[in-house]
C-alpha atoms as a PDB file:
ATOM      1  CA  MET A   1       0.002  -0.032   0.034  1.00  0.00           C
ATOM      2  CA  PRO A   2       1.507   3.553  -0.948  1.00  0.00           C
ATOM      3  CA  ARG A   3       2.563   5.730   1.953  1.00  0.00           C
ATOM      4  CA  LEU A   4       3.220   9.514   1.949  1.00  0.00           C
ATOM      5  CA  ALA A   5       6.677  10.294   3.121  1.00  0.00           C
ATOM      6  CA  PHE A   6       5.814  13.139   5.461  1.00  0.00           C
ATOM      7  CA  PHE A   7       4.423  13.588   8.797  1.00  0.00           C
ATOM      8  CA  ALA A   8       2.494  16.839   9.522  1.00  0.00           C
ATOM      9  CA  PRO A   9      -0.459  18.201  11.585  1.00  0.00           C
ATOM     10  CA  LEU A  10      -3.754  16.721  10.437  1.00  0.00           C
ATOM     11  CA  LEU A  11      -2.124  14.839   7.568  1.00  0.00           C
ATOM     12  CA  LEU A  12      -4.165  14.260   4.663  1.00  0.00           C
ATOM     13  CA  THR A  13      -4.825  10.824   3.391  1.00  0.00           C
ATOM     14  CA  LEU A  14      -7.353   9.174   1.566  1.00  0.00           C
ATOM     15  CA  ALA A  15      -9.378   6.448   3.301  1.00  0.00           C
ATOM     16  CA  THR A  16      -7.785   3.564   1.507  1.00  0.00           C
ATOM     17  CA  LEU A  17      -4.169   4.736   2.782  1.00  0.00           C
ATOM     18  CA  PRO A  18      -2.678   3.884   6.191  1.00  0.00           C
ATOM     19  CA  SER A  19      -3.049   6.426   8.883  1.00  0.00           C
ATOM     20  CA  PHE A  20      -0.208   8.648  10.038  1.00  0.00           C
ATOM     21  CA  SER A  21       0.833  10.049  13.389  1.00  0.00           C
ATOM     22  CA  HIS A  22       0.651  13.637  13.733  1.00  0.00           C
ATOM     23  CA  GLY A  23       3.923  15.801  14.365  1.00  0.00           C
ATOM     24  CA  GLU A  24       5.963  18.568  13.101  1.00  0.00           C
ATOM     25  CA  PRO A  25       6.661  18.559   9.389  1.00  0.00           C
ATOM     26  CA  SER A  26       9.658  16.765   8.436  1.00  0.00           C
ATOM     27  CA  LEU A  27      11.577  19.310   6.217  1.00  0.00           C
ATOM     28  CA  ARG A  28      14.646  18.516   4.152  1.00  0.00           C
ATOM     29  CA  GLU A  29      17.617  20.873   4.010  1.00  0.00           C
ATOM     30  CA  ALA A  30      18.164  21.896   0.296  1.00  0.00           C
ATOM     31  CA  ALA A  31      21.792  21.303   0.632  1.00  0.00           C
ATOM     32  CA  SER A  32      21.354  17.616   1.528  1.00  0.00           C
ATOM     33  CA  LEU A  33      19.297  17.045  -1.710  1.00  0.00           C
ATOM     34  CA  GLN A  34      20.203  16.236  -5.259  1.00  0.00           C
ATOM     35  CA  PHE A  35      17.509  18.147  -7.401  1.00  0.00           C
ATOM     36  CA  GLN A  36      16.218  16.511 -10.561  1.00  0.00           C
ATOM     37  CA  SER A  37      14.948  17.643 -13.846  1.00  0.00           C
ATOM     38  CA  GLY A  38      12.790  15.957 -16.503  1.00  0.00           C
ATOM     39  CA  PHE A  39       9.861  15.104 -14.160  1.00  0.00           C
ATOM     40  CA  SER A  40       6.423  16.752 -14.675  1.00  0.00           C
ATOM     41  CA  GLY A  41       5.224  19.395 -12.205  1.00  0.00           C
ATOM     42  CA  PRO A  42       2.020  21.248 -11.969  1.00  0.00           C
ATOM     43  CA  PRO A  43       0.793  22.706 -15.307  1.00  0.00           C
ATOM     44  CA  ALA A  44       1.911  26.314 -15.109  1.00  0.00           C
ATOM     45  CA  ALA A  45      -1.619  27.454 -15.676  1.00  0.00           C
ATOM     46  CA  GLN A  46      -2.801  25.712 -12.629  1.00  0.00           C
ATOM     47  CA  TRP A  47      -0.124  26.992 -10.118  1.00  0.00           C
ATOM     48  CA  PRO A  48       0.437  30.726  -9.672  1.00  0.00           C
ATOM     49  CA  ALA A  49       4.080  32.120  -9.434  1.00  0.00           C
ATOM     50  CA  ASP A  50       3.440  32.862  -5.713  1.00  0.00           C
ATOM     51  CA  ALA A  51       2.515  29.284  -4.802  1.00  0.00           C
ATOM     52  CA  PRO A  52       5.429  27.017  -3.490  1.00  0.00           C
ATOM     53  CA  PRO A  53       6.844  25.358  -6.546  1.00  0.00           C
ATOM     54  CA  VAL A  54       7.109  21.449  -6.826  1.00  0.00           C
ATOM     55  CA  ARG A  55      10.637  20.295  -6.971  1.00  0.00           C
ATOM     56  CA  PHE A  56      12.114  16.822  -7.583  1.00  0.00           C
ATOM     57  CA  TYR A  57      14.968  15.246  -5.763  1.00  0.00           C
ATOM     58  CA  VAL A  58      16.852  12.407  -4.685  1.00  0.00           C
ATOM     59  CA  ALA A  59      17.508  12.562  -0.773  1.00  0.00           C
ATOM     60  CA  ARG A  60      21.058  11.597   0.752  1.00  0.00           C
ATOM     61  CA  GLY A  61      21.543   7.937   0.612  1.00  0.00           C
ATOM     62  CA  ALA A  62      18.681   7.323  -1.571  1.00  0.00           C
ATOM     63  CA  ALA A  63      18.447   6.240  -5.217  1.00  0.00           C
ATOM     64  CA  ALA A  64      14.813   6.989  -6.276  1.00  0.00           C
ATOM     65  CA  PRO A  65      12.940  10.221  -6.792  1.00  0.00           C
ATOM     66  CA  SER A  66      11.097  12.152  -4.442  1.00  0.00           C
ATOM     67  CA  CYS A  67       8.992  15.409  -4.638  1.00  0.00           C
ATOM     68  CA  GLY A  68       8.236  18.045  -2.563  1.00  0.00           C
ATOM     69  CA  LEU A  69       7.318  21.838  -2.160  1.00  0.00           C
ATOM     70  CA  TRP A  70      10.181  24.142  -2.358  1.00  0.00           C
ATOM     71  CA  LEU A  71      10.238  26.952   0.712  1.00  0.00           C
ATOM     72  CA  ALA A  72      12.605  29.461  -0.901  1.00  0.00           C
ATOM     73  CA  ALA A  73      12.726  31.664   2.218  1.00  0.00           C
ATOM     74  CA  ARG A  74      13.848  28.643   4.261  1.00  0.00           C
ATOM     75  CA  SER A  75      15.961  26.856   1.682  1.00  0.00           C
ATOM     76  CA  GLN A  76      14.180  23.656   2.661  1.00  0.00           C
ATOM     77  CA  VAL A  77      11.698  21.373   1.078  1.00  0.00           C
ATOM     78  CA  LEU A  78       8.451  19.997   2.536  1.00  0.00           C
ATOM     79  CA  PRO A  79       8.257  16.207   1.095  1.00  0.00           C
ATOM     80  CA  LEU A  80       5.194  15.180  -0.655  1.00  0.00           C
ATOM     81  CA  VAL A  81       6.304  11.679  -1.441  1.00  0.00           C
ATOM     82  CA  GLU A  82       9.610   9.858  -0.618  1.00  0.00           C
ATOM     83  CA  PRO A  83      10.714   6.208  -0.622  1.00  0.00           C
ATOM     84  CA  ASP A  84      10.190   4.382   2.564  1.00  0.00           C
ATOM     85  CA  GLY A  85      13.362   3.743   4.588  1.00  0.00           C
ATOM     86  CA  GLY A  86      15.546   1.068   2.942  1.00  0.00           C
ATOM     87  CA  SER A  87      13.276   0.657   0.044  1.00  0.00           C
ATOM     88  CA  ASP A  88      13.128   2.321  -3.481  1.00  0.00           C
ATOM     89  CA  PHE A  89       9.271   2.807  -3.238  1.00  0.00           C
ATOM     90  CA  PRO A  90       7.277   4.791  -3.408  1.00  0.00           C
ATOM     91  CA  GLN A  91       8.889   6.980  -5.971  1.00  0.00           C
ATOM     92  CA  CYS A  92       7.279  10.603  -7.008  1.00  0.00           C
ATOM     93  CA  ILE A  93       7.041  10.586 -10.868  1.00  0.00           C
ATOM     94  CA  GLY A  94       4.872  13.653 -11.467  1.00  0.00           C
ATOM     95  CA  VAL A  95       2.277  16.127 -10.307  1.00  0.00           C
ATOM     96  CA  PRO A  96      -0.232  15.832 -13.233  1.00  0.00           C
ATOM     97  CA  ALA A  97      -2.828  18.403 -11.766  1.00  0.00           C
ATOM     98  CA  ALA A  98      -2.867  21.175  -9.047  1.00  0.00           C
ATOM     99  CA  MET A  99      -5.240  23.956  -8.115  1.00  0.00           C
ATOM    100  CA  VAL A 100      -4.814  27.037  -5.551  1.00  0.00           C
ATOM    101  CA  LEU A 101      -8.318  27.533  -3.850  1.00  0.00           C
ATOM    102  CA  PRO A 102      -8.824  30.904  -1.997  1.00  0.00           C
ATOM    103  CA  GLN A 103     -11.362  30.301   0.741  1.00  0.00           C
ATOM    104  CA  GLY A 104     -12.296  33.479   2.815  1.00  0.00           C
ATOM    105  CA  SER A 105      -8.916  34.866   4.019  1.00  0.00           C
ATOM    106  CA  GLN A 106      -7.400  31.509   3.676  1.00  0.00           C
ATOM    107  CA  ARG A 107      -5.529  30.038   0.798  1.00  0.00           C
ATOM    108  CA  PHE A 108      -5.493  26.307   0.023  1.00  0.00           C
ATOM    109  CA  LEU A 109      -3.076  24.254  -2.221  1.00  0.00           C
ATOM    110  CA  LEU A 110      -4.614  21.070  -3.849  1.00  0.00           C
ATOM    111  CA  LEU A 111      -2.175  18.730  -5.689  1.00  0.00           C
ATOM    112  CA  ARG A 112      -2.719  15.347  -7.340  1.00  0.00           C
ATOM    113  CA  VAL A 113       0.763  13.257  -7.153  1.00  0.00           C
ATOM    114  CA  LYS A 114       1.501  10.596  -9.303  1.00  0.00           C
ATOM    115  CA  GLN A 115       3.808   7.918  -7.555  1.00  0.00           C
ATOM    116  CA  ARG A 116       5.259   4.623  -8.566  1.00  0.00           C
ATOM    117  CA  ASP A 117       4.436   1.888  -5.834  1.00  0.00           C
ATOM    118  CA  THR A 118       6.317  -1.118  -7.316  1.00  0.00           C
ATOM    119  CA  ARG A 119       8.113  -1.748 -10.343  1.00  0.00           C
ATOM    120  CA  GLU A 120       4.644  -2.319 -12.117  1.00  0.00           C
ATOM    121  CA  ASP A 121       2.083  -0.397 -10.158  1.00  0.00           C
ATOM    122  CA  THR A 122       1.505   3.406 -10.092  1.00  0.00           C
ATOM    123  CA  SER A 123      -1.182   5.243  -8.081  1.00  0.00           C
ATOM    124  CA  LEU A 124      -2.626   8.830  -7.743  1.00  0.00           C
ATOM    125  CA  THR A 125      -2.819  10.720  -4.414  1.00  0.00           C
ATOM    126  CA  ASP A 126      -4.665  14.062  -3.803  1.00  0.00           C
ATOM    127  CA  LEU A 127      -3.142  16.197  -1.166  1.00  0.00           C
ATOM    128  CA  LEU A 128      -4.401  19.302   0.485  1.00  0.00           C
ATOM    129  CA  PHE A 129      -2.355  21.990   2.162  1.00  0.00           C
ATOM    130  CA  LEU A 130      -3.322  25.439   4.061  1.00  0.00           C
ATOM    131  CA  ASP A 131      -0.782  27.851   2.590  1.00  0.00           C
ATOM    132  CA  ALA A 132      -0.223  29.732   5.864  1.00  0.00           C
ATOM    133  CA  GLY A 133       3.061  30.924   7.317  1.00  0.00           C
ATOM    134  CA  ASP A 134       6.466  29.804   6.279  1.00  0.00           C
ATOM    135  CA  VAL A 135       5.469  26.188   5.997  1.00  0.00           C
ATOM    136  CA  PRO A 136       2.213  24.837   4.440  1.00  0.00           C
ATOM    137  CA  GLN A 137       0.097  22.880   6.783  1.00  0.00           C
ATOM    138  CA  ALA A 138      -1.202  19.426   5.618  1.00  0.00           C
ATOM    139  CA  ARG A 139      -4.760  19.121   6.218  1.00  0.00           C
ATOM    140  CA  ASP A 140      -7.313  16.073   6.385  1.00  0.00           C
ATOM    141  CA  ASP A 141     -10.497  17.500   4.965  1.00  0.00           C
ATOM    142  CA  LEU A 142     -10.190  14.754   2.122  1.00  0.00           C
ATOM    143  CA  SER A 143     -10.331  12.034   4.591  1.00  0.00           C
ATOM    144  CA  PRO A 144     -14.035  11.275   4.079  1.00  0.00           C
ATOM    145  CA  THR A 145     -15.083   8.406   2.146  1.00  0.00           C
ATOM    146  CA  THR A 146     -17.586  10.538   0.169  1.00  0.00           C
ATOM    147  CA  VAL A 147     -14.573  12.461  -1.472  1.00  0.00           C
ATOM    148  CA  PRO A 148     -14.474  11.985  -5.170  1.00  0.00           C
ATOM    149  CA  ASP A 149     -11.699   9.447  -5.915  1.00  0.00           C
ATOM    150  CA  THR A 150      -8.822   9.920  -8.153  1.00  0.00           C
ATOM    151  CA  THR A 151     -10.345   8.623 -11.227  1.00  0.00           C
ATOM    152  CA  LYS A 152     -12.336  11.855 -11.162  1.00  0.00           C
ATOM    153  CA  PRO A 153     -10.963  15.145 -12.439  1.00  0.00           C
ATOM    154  CA  LEU A 154      -9.088  17.177  -9.510  1.00  0.00           C
ATOM    155  CA  THR A 155     -11.648  19.817 -10.032  1.00  0.00           C
ATOM    156  CA  GLN A 156     -14.462  17.621  -8.924  1.00  0.00           C
ATOM    157  CA  VAL A 157     -12.314  17.071  -5.832  1.00  0.00           C
ATOM    158  CA  ALA A 158     -12.091  20.805  -5.468  1.00  0.00           C
ATOM    159  CA  ALA A 159     -15.851  21.016  -5.982  1.00  0.00           C
ATOM    160  CA  TRP A 160     -16.419  18.525  -3.041  1.00  0.00           C
ATOM    161  CA  LEU A 161     -14.140  20.669  -0.870  1.00  0.00           C
ATOM    162  CA  ARG A 162     -16.108  23.736  -1.676  1.00  0.00           C
ATOM    163  CA  ALA A 163     -19.439  22.162  -0.335  1.00  0.00           C
ATOM    164  CA  HIS A 164     -17.550  20.846   2.439  1.00  0.00           C
ATOM    165  CA  TRP A 165     -16.308  24.370   3.559  1.00  0.00           C
ATOM    166  CA  VAL A 166     -20.056  25.604   3.061  1.00  0.00           C
ATOM    167  CA  HIS A 167     -21.064  23.111   5.702  1.00  0.00           C
ATOM    168  CA  GLN A 168     -18.192  24.227   7.951  1.00  0.00           C
ATOM    169  CA  ALA A 169     -19.078  27.844   7.384  1.00  0.00           C
ATOM    170  CA  ASP A 170     -22.933  27.407   8.120  1.00  0.00           C
ATOM    171  CA  PRO A 171     -23.796  29.615  11.155  1.00  0.00           C
ATOM    172  CA  THR A 172     -27.555  28.335  11.577  1.00  0.00           C
ATOM    173  CA  PRO A 173     -28.140  26.969  15.096  1.00  0.00           C
ATOM    174  CA  GLY A 174     -29.143  23.261  14.805  1.00  0.00           C
ATOM    175  CA  ALA A 175     -28.195  22.823  11.074  1.00  0.00           C
ATOM    176  CA  ARG A 176     -27.121  19.412  10.309  1.00  0.00           C
ATOM    177  CA  ALA A 177     -24.885  18.954   7.284  1.00  0.00           C
ATOM    178  CA  LEU A 178     -26.177  15.981   4.945  1.00  0.00           C
ATOM    179  CA  ALA A 179     -22.576  15.377   3.683  1.00  0.00           C
ATOM    180  CA  GLU A 180     -23.662  12.181   2.290  1.00  0.00           C
ATOM    181  CA  HIS A 181     -25.840  13.884  -0.281  1.00  0.00           C
ATOM    182  CA  THR A 182     -23.116  16.172  -1.375  1.00  0.00           C
ATOM    183  CA  ALA A 183     -23.341  15.998  -5.265  1.00  0.00           C
ATOM    184  CA  THR A 184     -20.716  16.906  -7.601  1.00  0.00           C
ATOM    185  CA  THR A 185     -19.460  17.371 -11.282  1.00  0.00           C
ATOM    186  CA  PRO A 186     -16.171  18.544 -12.484  1.00  0.00           C
ATOM    187  CA  ASP A 187     -17.570  22.007 -12.850  1.00  0.00           C
ATOM    188  CA  ALA A 188     -20.336  22.204  -9.775  1.00  0.00           C
ATOM    189  CA  TYR A 189     -21.593  21.052  -6.481  1.00  0.00           C
ATOM    190  CA  LEU A 190     -24.535  20.833  -4.470  1.00  0.00           C
ATOM    191  CA  ALA A 191     -24.225  21.088  -0.569  1.00  0.00           C
ATOM    192  CA  VAL A 192     -27.328  19.821   1.392  1.00  0.00           C
ATOM    193  CA  SER A 193     -28.284  20.618   5.210  1.00  0.00           C
ATOM    194  CA  GLN A 194     -31.219  20.041   7.367  1.00  0.00           C
ATOM    195  CA  ARG A 195     -32.655  22.608   9.633  1.00  0.00           C
ATOM    196  CA  SER A 196     -34.478  22.218  12.790  1.00  0.00           C
ATOM    197  CA  ASP A 197     -37.361  24.212  11.612  1.00  0.00           C
ATOM    198  CA  GLY A 198     -38.587  21.404   9.242  1.00  0.00           C
ATOM    199  CA  THR A 199     -36.473  22.726   6.195  1.00  0.00           C
ATOM    200  CA  CYS A 200     -33.423  21.985   4.104  1.00  0.00           C
ATOM    201  CA  GLN A 201     -30.938  24.322   2.452  1.00  0.00           C
ATOM    202  CA  TYR A 202     -29.326  23.798  -0.831  1.00  0.00           C
ATOM    203  CA  ALA A 203     -26.128  25.428  -1.694  1.00  0.00           C
ATOM    204  CA  ALA A 204     -25.019  25.347  -5.529  1.00  0.00           C
ATOM    205  CA  GLY A 205     -21.542  26.635  -6.796  1.00  0.00           C
ATOM    206  CA  THR A 206     -18.510  25.948  -8.854  1.00  0.00           C
ATOM    207  CA  PRO A 207     -14.864  24.724  -7.612  1.00  0.00           C
ATOM    208  CA  LEU A 208     -13.514  27.864  -8.775  1.00  0.00           C
ATOM    209  CA  SER A 209     -15.793  30.180  -6.732  1.00  0.00           C
ATOM    210  CA  PRO A 210     -15.206  30.642  -3.032  1.00  0.00           C
ATOM    211  CA  ALA A 211     -18.883  31.208  -2.109  1.00  0.00           C
ATOM    212  CA  PRO A 212     -22.099  29.508  -3.340  1.00  0.00           C
ATOM    213  CA  LEU A 213     -23.523  30.972  -6.367  1.00  0.00           C
ATOM    214  CA  LEU A 214     -27.348  30.065  -5.251  1.00  0.00           C
ATOM    215  CA  LYS A 215     -29.064  29.227  -2.053  1.00  0.00           C
ATOM    216  CA  ALA A 216     -32.385  27.773  -1.886  1.00  0.00           C
ATOM    217  CA  THR A 217     -34.448  26.569   1.246  1.00  0.00           C
ATOM    218  CA  HIS A 218     -37.570  24.512   1.067  1.00  0.00           C
ATOM    219  CA  ALA A 219     -39.829  22.602   3.292  1.00  0.00           C
ATOM    220  CA  CYS A 220     -38.417  19.211   3.782  1.00  0.00           C
ATOM    221  CA  GLU A 221     -38.806  15.987   5.979  1.00  0.00           C
ATOM    222  CA  ARG A 222     -35.805  14.454   4.722  1.00  0.00           C
ATOM    223  CA  VAL A 223     -33.508  14.207   1.650  1.00  0.00           C
ATOM    224  CA  LEU A 224     -33.812  10.546  -0.107  1.00  0.00           C
ATOM    225  CA  ALA A 225     -31.086  10.913  -2.560  1.00  0.00           C
ATOM    226  CA  THR A 226     -29.014  13.482  -4.920  1.00  0.00           C
ATOM    227  CA  SER A 227     -27.608  12.996  -8.269  1.00  0.00           C
ATOM    228  CA  ALA A 228     -25.468  15.189 -10.699  1.00  0.00           C
ATOM    229  CA  PHE A 229     -24.422  15.175 -14.237  1.00  0.00           C
ATOM    230  CA  GLN A 230     -22.934  17.220 -17.038  1.00  0.00           C
ATOM    231  CA  GLN A 231     -24.760  17.900 -20.309  1.00  0.00           C
ATOM    232  CA  GLY A 232     -23.428  20.373 -22.735  1.00  0.00           C
ATOM    233  CA  ALA A 233     -22.081  23.472 -20.732  1.00  0.00           C
ATOM    234  CA  SER A 234     -24.246  23.037 -17.681  1.00  0.00           C
ATOM    235  CA  SER A 235     -23.876  20.915 -14.643  1.00  0.00           C
ATOM    236  CA  TRP A 236     -27.518  19.561 -13.601  1.00  0.00           C
ATOM    237  CA  LEU A 237     -28.105  18.756  -9.794  1.00  0.00           C
ATOM    238  CA  LEU A 238     -30.967  16.700  -8.789  1.00  0.00           C
ATOM    239  CA  VAL A 239     -32.640  16.166  -5.246  1.00  0.00           C
ATOM    240  CA  LEU A 240     -35.230  13.565  -4.294  1.00  0.00           C
ATOM    241  CA  PHE A 241     -36.902  14.524  -0.966  1.00  0.00           C
ATOM    242  CA  LYS A 242     -40.000  14.179   1.186  1.00  0.00           C
ATOM    243  CA  ARG A 243     -41.925  16.863   2.650  1.00  0.00           C
ATOM    244  CA  SER A 244     -43.964  15.987   5.843  1.00  0.00           C
ATOM    245  CA  GLY A 245     -47.550  14.740   4.875  1.00  0.00           C
ATOM    246  CA  ALA A 246     -46.713  14.716   1.174  1.00  0.00           C
ATOM    247  CA  GLY A 247     -45.094  12.039  -1.222  1.00  0.00           C
ATOM    248  CA  THR A 248     -41.587  12.267  -2.691  1.00  0.00           C
ATOM    249  CA  GLU A 249     -40.581  15.309  -4.761  1.00  0.00           C
ATOM    250  CA  ALA A 250     -37.823  16.670  -7.062  1.00  0.00           C
ATOM    251  CA  LEU A 251     -35.767  19.657  -6.990  1.00  0.00           C
ATOM    252  CA  VAL A 252     -33.559  20.578  -9.912  1.00  0.00           C
ATOM    253  CA  PHE A 253     -30.616  23.029 -10.188  1.00  0.00           C
ATOM    254  CA  GLU A 254     -28.320  23.976 -12.975  1.00  0.00           C
ATOM    255  CA  VAL A 255     -24.760  25.501 -12.832  1.00  0.00           C
ATOM    256  CA  ASN A 256     -22.870  26.857 -15.802  1.00  0.00           C
ATOM    257  CA  ALA A 257     -20.636  29.762 -16.699  1.00  0.00           C
ATOM    258  CA  GLN A 258     -23.492  32.174 -16.376  1.00  0.00           C
ATOM    259  CA  GLY A 259     -24.423  31.258 -12.781  1.00  0.00           C
ATOM    260  CA  ALA A 260     -26.731  28.909 -11.016  1.00  0.00           C
ATOM    261  CA  ARG A 261     -30.581  28.651 -11.039  1.00  0.00           C
ATOM    262  CA  GLU A 262     -33.264  26.541  -9.681  1.00  0.00           C
ATOM    263  CA  TRP A 263     -35.931  24.741 -12.169  1.00  0.00           C
ATOM    264  CA  PRO A 264     -39.324  24.569 -10.539  1.00  0.00           C
ATOM    265  CA  ASP A 265     -40.836  23.900 -13.842  1.00  0.00           C
ATOM    266  CA  LEU A 266     -38.586  20.965 -14.660  1.00  0.00           C
ATOM    267  CA  ALA A 267     -39.230  19.752 -11.195  1.00  0.00           C
ATOM    268  CA  ALA A 268     -43.037  19.721 -11.661  1.00  0.00           C
ATOM    269  CA  GLU A 269     -42.474  17.921 -14.832  1.00  0.00           C
ATOM    270  CA  LEU A 270     -40.870  15.057 -12.974  1.00  0.00           C
ATOM    271  CA  LYS A 271     -43.598  14.660 -10.552  1.00  0.00           C
ATOM    272  CA  THR A 272     -44.443  11.265 -11.841  1.00  0.00           C
ATOM    273  CA  GLN A 273     -40.897   9.823 -11.733  1.00  0.00           C
ATOM    274  CA  ALA A 274     -40.114  11.400  -8.325  1.00  0.00           C
ATOM    275  CA  ALA A 275     -43.400   9.743  -6.790  1.00  0.00           C
ATOM    276  CA  GLU A 276     -41.777   6.439  -7.572  1.00  0.00           C
ATOM    277  CA  GLY A 277     -39.026   7.328  -5.197  1.00  0.00           C
ATOM    278  CA  LYS A 278     -36.083   6.169  -6.975  1.00  0.00           C
ATOM    279  CA  VAL A 279     -33.258   8.485  -8.149  1.00  0.00           C
ATOM    280  CA  LEU A 280     -31.942   6.674 -11.213  1.00  0.00           C
ATOM    281  CA  PRO A 281     -35.106   6.632 -13.222  1.00  0.00           C
ATOM    282  CA  LEU A 282     -35.498  10.219 -11.908  1.00  0.00           C
ATOM    283  CA  ARG A 283     -32.270  11.258 -13.310  1.00  0.00           C
ATOM    284  CA  GLN A 284     -32.520   9.494 -16.619  1.00  0.00           C
ATOM    285  CA  ALA A 285     -35.932  11.325 -17.081  1.00  0.00           C
ATOM    286  CA  LEU A 286     -33.987  14.597 -16.484  1.00  0.00           C
ATOM    287  CA  GLN A 287     -31.357  13.810 -18.918  1.00  0.00           C
ATOM    288  CA  ARG A 288     -33.704  13.223 -21.581  1.00  0.00           C
ATOM    289  CA  ARG A 289     -35.672  16.286 -20.929  1.00  0.00           C
ATOM    290  CA  VAL A 290     -32.526  18.371 -20.902  1.00  0.00           C
ATOM    291  CA  ALA A 291     -31.208  16.814 -24.119  1.00  0.00           C
ATOM    292  CA  GLY A 292     -34.600  17.938 -25.688  1.00  0.00           C
ATOM    293  CA  MET A 293     -34.224  21.390 -24.600  1.00  0.00           C
ATOM    294  CA  ARG A 294     -30.813  21.542 -26.089  1.00  0.00           C
ATOM    295  CA  ARG A 295     -31.994  20.779 -29.532  1.00  0.00           C
END
């Protein structure tokens, strides 16, 4: 099983990776490293000049490549992936995607690291850091099992993070985040929470927008399921829910480059499918309807 090579407060791991102890970041002195070229770092368009650059290196006493964030002011490197002690694996062989996510007064660094775990096997790992002070701090926000896995675009992971942060910032007393019903596409998210007054709130936005583009509140006994898909330039977000004293109903939201909107007319058209209480046929009916709108 691949392991990351550094230990830090709130170390980010995916649920399938082994857990790590928390401690001070283990930094590497630049003078002890042999820096390498020929590896692929974050695309320049995704990684601004003021973000810590990714550097590839071979540590003293090692023969396999590692990678880390270059901390120029300290002449040190914060390791991302290094071989285990006495082993040639895992090896860092690239950073195919990365994003910088401003959130309120904070800034986060999201990286997808490619590593070689054995001679035959490679894997991807998503890492999140809070870019604060001299040394970025590893975060565990991506540890829940509901996070999109590395088969999805990194922007979809960022969309999930935005929904997660919407829940964290919710000031409503008695609000309960329904994280299991977070819906995402590579370009949008829907965050769902339940209120003590018998309503549910739905927040829709994009991975690039720090704040939701739309918030809607509806009477709601419970949310049964959510779903999301992309069609054309839009992301469509679907909710199957139940109101007290009523049957199951649907809500439909659209997010695209122009913003976000709710579609009550489409939800009304899906009343028959919603009444069945199954999200898959409801989603399929919405996909057919949306395809007809775009002709």
